[in-house]
Amino acid sequence: MMPISPTGLALRPGAARIRRRAADGRLRAARCGFEGAMLALRRAALDHAESQALLSDTLRASLARLAERAGAKP
Protein backbone atom coordinates (compact mmCIF):
# COMPACT_ATOMS: atom_id res chain seq x y z
CA MET A 1 0.00 0.00 0.00
CA MET A 2 1.30 3.49 -0.90
CA PRO A 3 1.83 6.04 1.87
CA ILE A 4 -0.67 8.87 2.12
CA SER A 5 0.65 12.44 1.96
CA PRO A 6 -0.71 15.22 4.21
CA THR A 7 -2.89 16.35 1.31
CA GLY A 8 -4.46 12.92 1.10
CA LEU A 9 -2.93 11.96 -2.26
CA ALA A 10 -0.98 8.75 -2.69
CA LEU A 11 2.73 9.34 -3.35
CA ARG A 12 4.19 8.08 -6.61
CA PRO A 13 7.37 6.05 -6.47
CA GLY A 14 10.25 8.50 -6.92
CA ALA A 15 8.16 11.53 -5.93
CA ALA A 16 10.35 12.15 -2.89
CA ARG A 17 13.44 12.22 -5.10
CA ILE A 18 11.76 14.70 -7.46
CA ARG A 19 10.75 16.94 -4.55
CA ARG A 20 14.24 16.69 -3.07
CA ARG A 21 15.83 17.71 -6.40
CA ALA A 22 13.39 20.61 -6.76
CA ALA A 23 14.15 21.76 -3.22
CA ASP A 24 17.87 21.48 -3.93
CA GLY A 25 17.46 23.61 -7.05
CA ARG A 26 15.51 26.26 -5.14
CA LEU A 27 18.17 26.31 -2.42
CA ARG A 28 20.96 26.73 -4.99
CA ALA A 29 19.06 29.57 -6.68
CA ALA A 30 18.51 31.30 -3.33
CA ARG A 31 22.16 30.88 -2.39
CA CYS A 32 23.30 32.36 -5.73
CA GLY A 33 20.90 35.26 -5.28
CA PHE A 34 22.14 35.89 -1.76
CA GLU A 35 25.80 35.71 -2.79
CA GLY A 36 25.13 38.07 -5.69
CA ALA A 37 23.40 40.52 -3.36
CA MET A 38 26.30 40.35 -0.90
CA LEU A 39 28.78 41.00 -3.69
CA ALA A 40 26.79 44.01 -4.88
CA LEU A 41 26.61 45.32 -1.31
CA ARG A 42 30.38 44.95 -0.86
CA ARG A 43 31.04 46.78 -4.12
CA ALA A 44 28.68 49.58 -3.14
CA ALA A 45 30.38 49.91 0.24
CA LEU A 46 33.83 50.08 -1.38
CA ASP A 47 32.62 52.65 -3.92
CA HIS A 48 31.19 54.73 -1.08
CA ALA A 49 34.41 54.53 0.93
CA GLU A 50 36.47 55.51 -2.13
CA SER A 51 34.21 58.47 -2.88
CA GLN A 52 34.46 59.59 0.75
CA ALA A 53 38.26 59.40 0.58
CA LEU A 54 38.26 61.49 -2.60
CA LEU A 55 35.92 64.03 -1.01
CA SER A 56 38.13 64.19 2.08
CA ASP A 57 41.25 64.81 -0.03
CA THR A 58 39.46 67.52 -2.00
CA LEU A 59 38.26 69.27 1.16
CA ARG A 60 41.75 69.15 2.70
CA ALA A 61 43.27 70.66 -0.45
CA SER A 62 40.65 73.42 -0.46
CA LEU A 63 41.26 74.12 3.21
CA ALA A 64 45.03 74.30 2.60
CA ARG A 65 44.50 76.77 -0.27
CA LEU A 66 42.23 78.93 1.89
CA ALA A 67 44.77 78.86 4.71
CA GLU A 68 47.53 79.90 2.32
CA ARG A 69 45.41 82.80 1.01
CA ALA A 70 44.55 83.93 4.52
CA GLY A 71 48.20 83.78 5.54
CA ALA A 72 49.33 85.71 2.43
CA LYS A 73 47.04 88.66 3.18
CA PRO A 74 47.96 90.92 6.11
PDB file of N, CA and C in Angstrom:
ATOM      1  N   MET A   1       0.844  -1.178   0.000  1.00  0.00           N
ATOM      2  CA  MET A   1       0.000   0.000   0.000  1.00  0.00           C
ATOM      3  C   MET A   1       0.891   1.244   0.000  1.00  0.00           C
ATOM      4  N   MET A   2       0.518   2.265  -0.788  1.00  0.00           N
ATOM      5  CA  MET A   2       1.301   3.491  -0.904  1.00  0.00           C
ATOM      6  C   MET A   2       1.014   4.402   0.284  1.00  0.00           C
ATOM      7  N   PRO A   3       2.058   5.116   0.764  1.00  0.00           N
ATOM      8  CA  PRO A   3       1.828   6.044   1.869  1.00  0.00           C
ATOM      9  C   PRO A   3       0.931   7.196   1.432  1.00  0.00           C
ATOM     10  N   ILE A   4       0.232   7.747   2.384  1.00  0.00           N
ATOM     11  CA  ILE A   4      -0.667   8.871   2.118  1.00  0.00           C
ATOM     12  C   ILE A   4       0.038  10.160   2.543  1.00  0.00           C
ATOM     13  N   SER A   5       0.023  11.154   1.649  1.00  0.00           N
ATOM     14  CA  SER A   5       0.649  12.440   1.960  1.00  0.00           C
ATOM     15  C   SER A   5      -0.311  13.267   2.805  1.00  0.00           C
ATOM     16  N   PRO A   6       0.180  14.364   3.402  1.00  0.00           N
ATOM     17  CA  PRO A   6      -0.714  15.218   4.206  1.00  0.00           C
ATOM     18  C   PRO A   6      -1.898  15.753   3.413  1.00  0.00           C
ATOM     19  N   THR A   7      -1.766  15.860   2.099  1.00  0.00           N
ATOM     20  CA  THR A   7      -2.891  16.353   1.306  1.00  0.00           C
ATOM     21  C   THR A   7      -3.876  15.250   0.987  1.00  0.00           C
ATOM     22  N   GLY A   8      -3.545  14.037   1.329  1.00  0.00           N
ATOM     23  CA  GLY A   8      -4.459  12.922   1.096  1.00  0.00           C
ATOM     24  C   GLY A   8      -4.206  12.208  -0.218  1.00  0.00           C
ATOM     25  N   LEU A   9      -3.226  12.605  -0.989  1.00  0.00           N
ATOM     26  CA  LEU A   9      -2.931  11.957  -2.261  1.00  0.00           C
ATOM     27  C   LEU A   9      -1.855  10.894  -2.064  1.00  0.00           C
ATOM     28  N   ALA A  10      -1.987   9.803  -2.772  1.00  0.00           N
ATOM     29  CA  ALA A  10      -0.980   8.749  -2.693  1.00  0.00           C
ATOM     30  C   ALA A  10       0.297   9.235  -3.376  1.00  0.00           C
ATOM     31  N   LEU A  11       1.443   8.923  -2.790  1.00  0.00           N
ATOM     32  CA  LEU A  11       2.726   9.338  -3.350  1.00  0.00           C
ATOM     33  C   LEU A  11       3.155   8.373  -4.440  1.00  0.00           C
ATOM     34  N   ARG A  12       3.655   8.923  -5.534  1.00  0.00           N
ATOM     35  CA  ARG A  12       4.186   8.083  -6.606  1.00  0.00           C
ATOM     36  C   ARG A  12       5.574   7.618  -6.210  1.00  0.00           C
ATOM     37  N   PRO A  13       5.980   6.467  -6.705  1.00  0.00           N
ATOM     38  CA  PRO A  13       7.368   6.048  -6.471  1.00  0.00           C
ATOM     39  C   PRO A  13       8.300   7.076  -7.125  1.00  0.00           C
ATOM     40  N   GLY A  14       9.309   7.522  -6.408  1.00  0.00           N
ATOM     41  CA  GLY A  14      10.250   8.503  -6.925  1.00  0.00           C
ATOM     42  C   GLY A  14       9.835   9.939  -6.689  1.00  0.00           C
ATOM     43  N   ALA A  15       8.632  10.159  -6.152  1.00  0.00           N
ATOM     44  CA  ALA A  15       8.159  11.527  -5.927  1.00  0.00           C
ATOM     45  C   ALA A  15       9.032  12.241  -4.907  1.00  0.00           C
ATOM     46  N   ALA A  16       9.498  11.525  -3.902  1.00  0.00           N
ATOM     47  CA  ALA A  16      10.350  12.149  -2.887  1.00  0.00           C
ATOM     48  C   ALA A  16      11.657  12.623  -3.520  1.00  0.00           C
ATOM     49  N   ARG A  17      12.195  11.841  -4.425  1.00  0.00           N
ATOM     50  CA  ARG A  17      13.442  12.219  -5.104  1.00  0.00           C
ATOM     51  C   ARG A  17      13.217  13.472  -5.957  1.00  0.00           C
ATOM     52  N   ILE A  18      12.085  13.524  -6.629  1.00  0.00           N
ATOM     53  CA  ILE A  18      11.765  14.697  -7.460  1.00  0.00           C
ATOM     54  C   ILE A  18      11.619  15.943  -6.586  1.00  0.00           C
ATOM     55  N   ARG A  19      10.908  15.806  -5.466  1.00  0.00           N
ATOM     56  CA  ARG A  19      10.745  16.938  -4.555  1.00  0.00           C
ATOM     57  C   ARG A  19      12.085  17.362  -3.962  1.00  0.00           C
ATOM     58  N   ARG A  20      12.935  16.391  -3.637  1.00  0.00           N
ATOM     59  CA  ARG A  20      14.242  16.687  -3.071  1.00  0.00           C
ATOM     60  C   ARG A  20      15.104  17.442  -4.087  1.00  0.00           C
ATOM     61  N   ARG A  21      15.069  17.016  -5.355  1.00  0.00           N
ATOM     62  CA  ARG A  21      15.826  17.709  -6.402  1.00  0.00           C
ATOM     63  C   ARG A  21      15.298  19.117  -6.616  1.00  0.00           C
ATOM     64  N   ALA A  22      13.990  19.280  -6.599  1.00  0.00           N
ATOM     65  CA  ALA A  22      13.391  20.605  -6.764  1.00  0.00           C
ATOM     66  C   ALA A  22      13.792  21.518  -5.604  1.00  0.00           C
ATOM     67  N   ALA A  23      13.749  20.979  -4.387  1.00  0.00           N
ATOM     68  CA  ALA A  23      14.150  21.760  -3.215  1.00  0.00           C
ATOM     69  C   ALA A  23      15.623  22.135  -3.306  1.00  0.00           C
ATOM     70  N   ASP A  24      16.445  21.199  -3.770  1.00  0.00           N
ATOM     71  CA  ASP A  24      17.868  21.477  -3.927  1.00  0.00           C
ATOM     72  C   ASP A  24      18.085  22.590  -4.948  1.00  0.00           C
ATOM     73  N   GLY A  25      17.355  22.561  -6.034  1.00  0.00           N
ATOM     74  CA  GLY A  25      17.456  23.608  -7.047  1.00  0.00           C
ATOM     75  C   GLY A  25      17.039  24.961  -6.514  1.00  0.00           C
ATOM     76  N   ARG A  26      15.953  24.994  -5.735  1.00  0.00           N
ATOM     77  CA  ARG A  26      15.512  26.262  -5.137  1.00  0.00           C
ATOM     78  C   ARG A  26      16.532  26.785  -4.141  1.00  0.00           C
ATOM     79  N   LEU A  27      17.146  25.898  -3.373  1.00  0.00           N
ATOM     80  CA  LEU A  27      18.172  26.306  -2.418  1.00  0.00           C
ATOM     81  C   LEU A  27      19.393  26.873  -3.138  1.00  0.00           C
ATOM     82  N   ARG A  28      19.811  26.222  -4.217  1.00  0.00           N
ATOM     83  CA  ARG A  28      20.955  26.730  -4.988  1.00  0.00           C
ATOM     84  C   ARG A  28      20.651  28.100  -5.575  1.00  0.00           C
ATOM     85  N   ALA A  29      19.460  28.271  -6.100  1.00  0.00           N
ATOM     86  CA  ALA A  29      19.064  29.566  -6.677  1.00  0.00           C
ATOM     87  C   ALA A  29      19.055  30.647  -5.599  1.00  0.00           C
ATOM     88  N   ALA A  30      18.538  30.322  -4.420  1.00  0.00           N
ATOM     89  CA  ALA A  30      18.507  31.296  -3.325  1.00  0.00           C
ATOM     90  C   ALA A  30      19.920  31.646  -2.884  1.00  0.00           C
ATOM     91  N   ARG A  31      20.778  30.639  -2.810  1.00  0.00           N
ATOM     92  CA  ARG A  31      22.164  30.879  -2.391  1.00  0.00           C
ATOM     93  C   ARG A  31      22.879  31.773  -3.399  1.00  0.00           C
ATOM     94  N   CYS A  32      22.680  31.514  -4.685  1.00  0.00           N
ATOM     95  CA  CYS A  32      23.304  32.355  -5.727  1.00  0.00           C
ATOM     96  C   CYS A  32      22.770  33.780  -5.646  1.00  0.00           C
ATOM     97  N   GLY A  33      21.486  33.924  -5.418  1.00  0.00           N
ATOM     98  CA  GLY A  33      20.901  35.256  -5.285  1.00  0.00           C
ATOM     99  C   GLY A  33      21.457  35.986  -4.079  1.00  0.00           C
ATOM    100  N   PHE A  34      21.606  35.282  -2.977  1.00  0.00           N
ATOM    101  CA  PHE A  34      22.144  35.891  -1.758  1.00  0.00           C
ATOM    102  C   PHE A  34      23.598  36.290  -1.967  1.00  0.00           C
ATOM    103  N   GLU A  35      24.388  35.401  -2.558  1.00  0.00           N
ATOM    104  CA  GLU A  35      25.801  35.708  -2.789  1.00  0.00           C
ATOM    105  C   GLU A  35      25.949  36.877  -3.749  1.00  0.00           C
ATOM    106  N   GLY A  36      25.097  36.947  -4.761  1.00  0.00           N
ATOM    107  CA  GLY A  36      25.125  38.073  -5.689  1.00  0.00           C
ATOM    108  C   GLY A  36      24.780  39.381  -4.991  1.00  0.00           C
ATOM    109  N   ALA A  37      23.789  39.327  -4.105  1.00  0.00           N
ATOM    110  CA  ALA A  37      23.396  40.523  -3.359  1.00  0.00           C
ATOM    111  C   ALA A  37      24.520  40.964  -2.421  1.00  0.00           C
ATOM    112  N   MET A  38      25.180  40.014  -1.785  1.00  0.00           N
ATOM    113  CA  MET A  38      26.295  40.354  -0.897  1.00  0.00           C
ATOM    114  C   MET A  38      27.447  40.972  -1.679  1.00  0.00           C
ATOM    115  N   LEU A  39      27.722  40.442  -2.856  1.00  0.00           N
ATOM    116  CA  LEU A  39      28.784  41.002  -3.694  1.00  0.00           C
ATOM    117  C   LEU A  39      28.446  42.433  -4.104  1.00  0.00           C
ATOM    118  N   ALA A  40      27.210  42.663  -4.503  1.00  0.00           N
ATOM    119  CA  ALA A  40      26.787  44.011  -4.882  1.00  0.00           C
ATOM    120  C   ALA A  40      26.886  44.961  -3.690  1.00  0.00           C
ATOM    121  N   LEU A  41      26.528  44.490  -2.512  1.00  0.00           N
ATOM    122  CA  LEU A  41      26.613  45.321  -1.308  1.00  0.00           C
ATOM    123  C   LEU A  41      28.063  45.664  -0.984  1.00  0.00           C
ATOM    124  N   ARG A  42      28.954  44.691  -1.105  1.00  0.00           N
ATOM    125  CA  ARG A  42      30.382  44.955  -0.855  1.00  0.00           C
ATOM    126  C   ARG A  42      30.923  45.982  -1.837  1.00  0.00           C
ATOM    127  N   ARG A  43      30.571  45.825  -3.106  1.00  0.00           N
ATOM    128  CA  ARG A  43      31.040  46.777  -4.124  1.00  0.00           C
ATOM    129  C   ARG A  43      30.518  48.180  -3.835  1.00  0.00           C
ATOM    130  N   ALA A  44      29.261  48.271  -3.456  1.00  0.00           N
ATOM    131  CA  ALA A  44      28.677  49.580  -3.139  1.00  0.00           C
ATOM    132  C   ALA A  44      29.385  50.204  -1.940  1.00  0.00           C
ATOM    133  N   ALA A  45      29.686  49.398  -0.936  1.00  0.00           N
ATOM    134  CA  ALA A  45      30.383  49.913   0.244  1.00  0.00           C
ATOM    135  C   ALA A  45      31.783  50.405  -0.124  1.00  0.00           C
ATOM    136  N   LEU A  46      32.494  49.650  -0.958  1.00  0.00           N
ATOM    137  CA  LEU A  46      33.828  50.079  -1.383  1.00  0.00           C
ATOM    138  C   LEU A  46      33.763  51.349  -2.217  1.00  0.00           C
ATOM    139  N   ASP A  47      32.785  51.431  -3.119  1.00  0.00           N
ATOM    140  CA  ASP A  47      32.616  52.647  -3.916  1.00  0.00           C
ATOM    141  C   ASP A  47      32.338  53.849  -3.016  1.00  0.00           C
ATOM    142  N   HIS A  48      31.515  53.643  -2.014  1.00  0.00           N
ATOM    143  CA  HIS A  48      31.189  54.731  -1.084  1.00  0.00           C
ATOM    144  C   HIS A  48      32.439  55.164  -0.316  1.00  0.00           C
ATOM    145  N   ALA A  49      33.200  54.192   0.183  1.00  0.00           N
ATOM    146  CA  ALA A  49      34.414  54.527   0.926  1.00  0.00           C
ATOM    147  C   ALA A  49      35.409  55.271   0.035  1.00  0.00           C
ATOM    148  N   GLU A  50      35.559  54.827  -1.212  1.00  0.00           N
ATOM    149  CA  GLU A  50      36.474  55.508  -2.134  1.00  0.00           C
ATOM    150  C   GLU A  50      36.003  56.929  -2.423  1.00  0.00           C
ATOM    151  N   SER A  51      34.711  57.119  -2.604  1.00  0.00           N
ATOM    152  CA  SER A  51      34.209  58.471  -2.878  1.00  0.00           C
ATOM    153  C   SER A  51      34.394  59.365  -1.663  1.00  0.00           C
ATOM    154  N   GLN A  52      34.249  58.804  -0.460  1.00  0.00           N
ATOM    155  CA  GLN A  52      34.458  59.590   0.753  1.00  0.00           C
ATOM    156  C   GLN A  52      35.927  59.976   0.897  1.00  0.00           C
ATOM    157  N   ALA A  53      36.834  59.087   0.526  1.00  0.00           N
ATOM    158  CA  ALA A  53      38.265  59.399   0.580  1.00  0.00           C
ATOM    159  C   ALA A  53      38.594  60.513  -0.413  1.00  0.00           C
ATOM    160  N   LEU A  54      38.037  60.446  -1.605  1.00  0.00           N
ATOM    161  CA  LEU A  54      38.262  61.490  -2.604  1.00  0.00           C
ATOM    162  C   LEU A  54      37.711  62.827  -2.113  1.00  0.00           C
ATOM    163  N   LEU A  55      36.527  62.810  -1.546  1.00  0.00           N
ATOM    164  CA  LEU A  55      35.924  64.028  -1.009  1.00  0.00           C
ATOM    165  C   LEU A  55      36.783  64.603   0.111  1.00  0.00           C
ATOM    166  N   SER A  56      37.282  63.743   0.981  1.00  0.00           N
ATOM    167  CA  SER A  56      38.134  64.190   2.084  1.00  0.00           C
ATOM    168  C   SER A  56      39.400  64.850   1.557  1.00  0.00           C
ATOM    169  N   ASP A  57      40.043  64.230   0.560  1.00  0.00           N
ATOM    170  CA  ASP A  57      41.253  64.814  -0.027  1.00  0.00           C
ATOM    171  C   ASP A  57      40.962  66.168  -0.664  1.00  0.00           C
ATOM    172  N   THR A  58      39.840  66.268  -1.350  1.00  0.00           N
ATOM    173  CA  THR A  58      39.459  67.521  -1.995  1.00  0.00           C
ATOM    174  C   THR A  58      39.216  68.618  -0.961  1.00  0.00           C
ATOM    175  N   LEU A  59      38.527  68.287   0.103  1.00  0.00           N
ATOM    176  CA  LEU A  59      38.260  69.270   1.160  1.00  0.00           C
ATOM    177  C   LEU A  59      39.559  69.713   1.842  1.00  0.00           C
ATOM    178  N   ARG A  60      40.470  68.793   2.081  1.00  0.00           N
ATOM    179  CA  ARG A  60      41.751  69.152   2.697  1.00  0.00           C
ATOM    180  C   ARG A  60      42.545  70.090   1.797  1.00  0.00           C
ATOM    181  N   ALA A  61      42.555  69.797   0.496  1.00  0.00           N
ATOM    182  CA  ALA A  61      43.275  70.656  -0.446  1.00  0.00           C
ATOM    183  C   ALA A  61      42.647  72.050  -0.481  1.00  0.00           C
ATOM    184  N   SER A  62      41.333  72.115  -0.466  1.00  0.00           N
ATOM    185  CA  SER A  62      40.647  73.417  -0.457  1.00  0.00           C
ATOM    186  C   SER A  62      40.962  74.183   0.821  1.00  0.00           C
ATOM    187  N   LEU A  63      40.951  73.484   1.934  1.00  0.00           N
ATOM    188  CA  LEU A  63      41.260  74.121   3.210  1.00  0.00           C
ATOM    189  C   LEU A  63      42.704  74.627   3.216  1.00  0.00           C
ATOM    190  N   ALA A  64      43.629  73.876   2.660  1.00  0.00           N
ATOM    191  CA  ALA A  64      45.028  74.301   2.598  1.00  0.00           C
ATOM    192  C   ALA A  64      45.163  75.550   1.728  1.00  0.00           C
ATOM    193  N   ARG A  65      44.459  75.588   0.594  1.00  0.00           N
ATOM    194  CA  ARG A  65      44.498  76.772  -0.267  1.00  0.00           C
ATOM    195  C   ARG A  65      43.926  77.990   0.450  1.00  0.00           C
ATOM    196  N   LEU A  66      42.830  77.821   1.146  1.00  0.00           N
ATOM    197  CA  LEU A  66      42.231  78.933   1.894  1.00  0.00           C
ATOM    198  C   LEU A  66      43.167  79.415   2.997  1.00  0.00           C
ATOM    199  N   ALA A  67      43.835  78.491   3.662  1.00  0.00           N
ATOM    200  CA  ALA A  67      44.770  78.861   4.711  1.00  0.00           C
ATOM    201  C   ALA A  67      45.949  79.632   4.147  1.00  0.00           C
ATOM    202  N   GLU A  68      46.423  79.199   2.959  1.00  0.00           N
ATOM    203  CA  GLU A  68      47.533  79.902   2.323  1.00  0.00           C
ATOM    204  C   GLU A  68      47.111  81.331   1.956  1.00  0.00           C
ATOM    205  N   ARG A  69      45.914  81.464   1.402  1.00  0.00           N
ATOM    206  CA  ARG A  69      45.413  82.801   1.010  1.00  0.00           C
ATOM    207  C   ARG A  69      45.259  83.705   2.241  1.00  0.00           C
ATOM    208  N   ALA A  70      44.743  83.135   3.299  1.00  0.00           N
ATOM    209  CA  ALA A  70      44.549  83.928   4.522  1.00  0.00           C
ATOM    210  C   ALA A  70      45.886  84.340   5.109  1.00  0.00           C
ATOM    211  N   GLY A  71      46.875  83.466   5.009  1.00  0.00           N
ATOM    212  CA  GLY A  71      48.204  83.784   5.538  1.00  0.00           C
ATOM    213  C   GLY A  71      48.935  84.783   4.660  1.00  0.00           C
ATOM    214  N   ALA A  72      48.643  84.801   3.364  1.00  0.00           N
ATOM    215  CA  ALA A  72      49.329  85.708   2.432  1.00  0.00           C
ATOM    216  C   ALA A  72      48.839  87.125   2.583  1.00  0.00           C
ATOM    217  N   LYS A  73      47.599  87.326   3.010  1.00  0.00           N
ATOM    218  CA  LYS A  73      47.041  88.663   3.179  1.00  0.00           C
ATOM    219  C   LYS A  73      47.298  89.149   4.611  1.00  0.00           C
ATOM    220  N   PRO A  74      47.722  90.394   4.751  1.00  0.00           N
ATOM    221  CA  PRO A  74      47.964  90.917   6.112  1.00  0.00           C
ATOM    222  C   PRO A  74      46.703  91.243   6.859  1.00  0.00           C
TER     223      PRO A  74
END
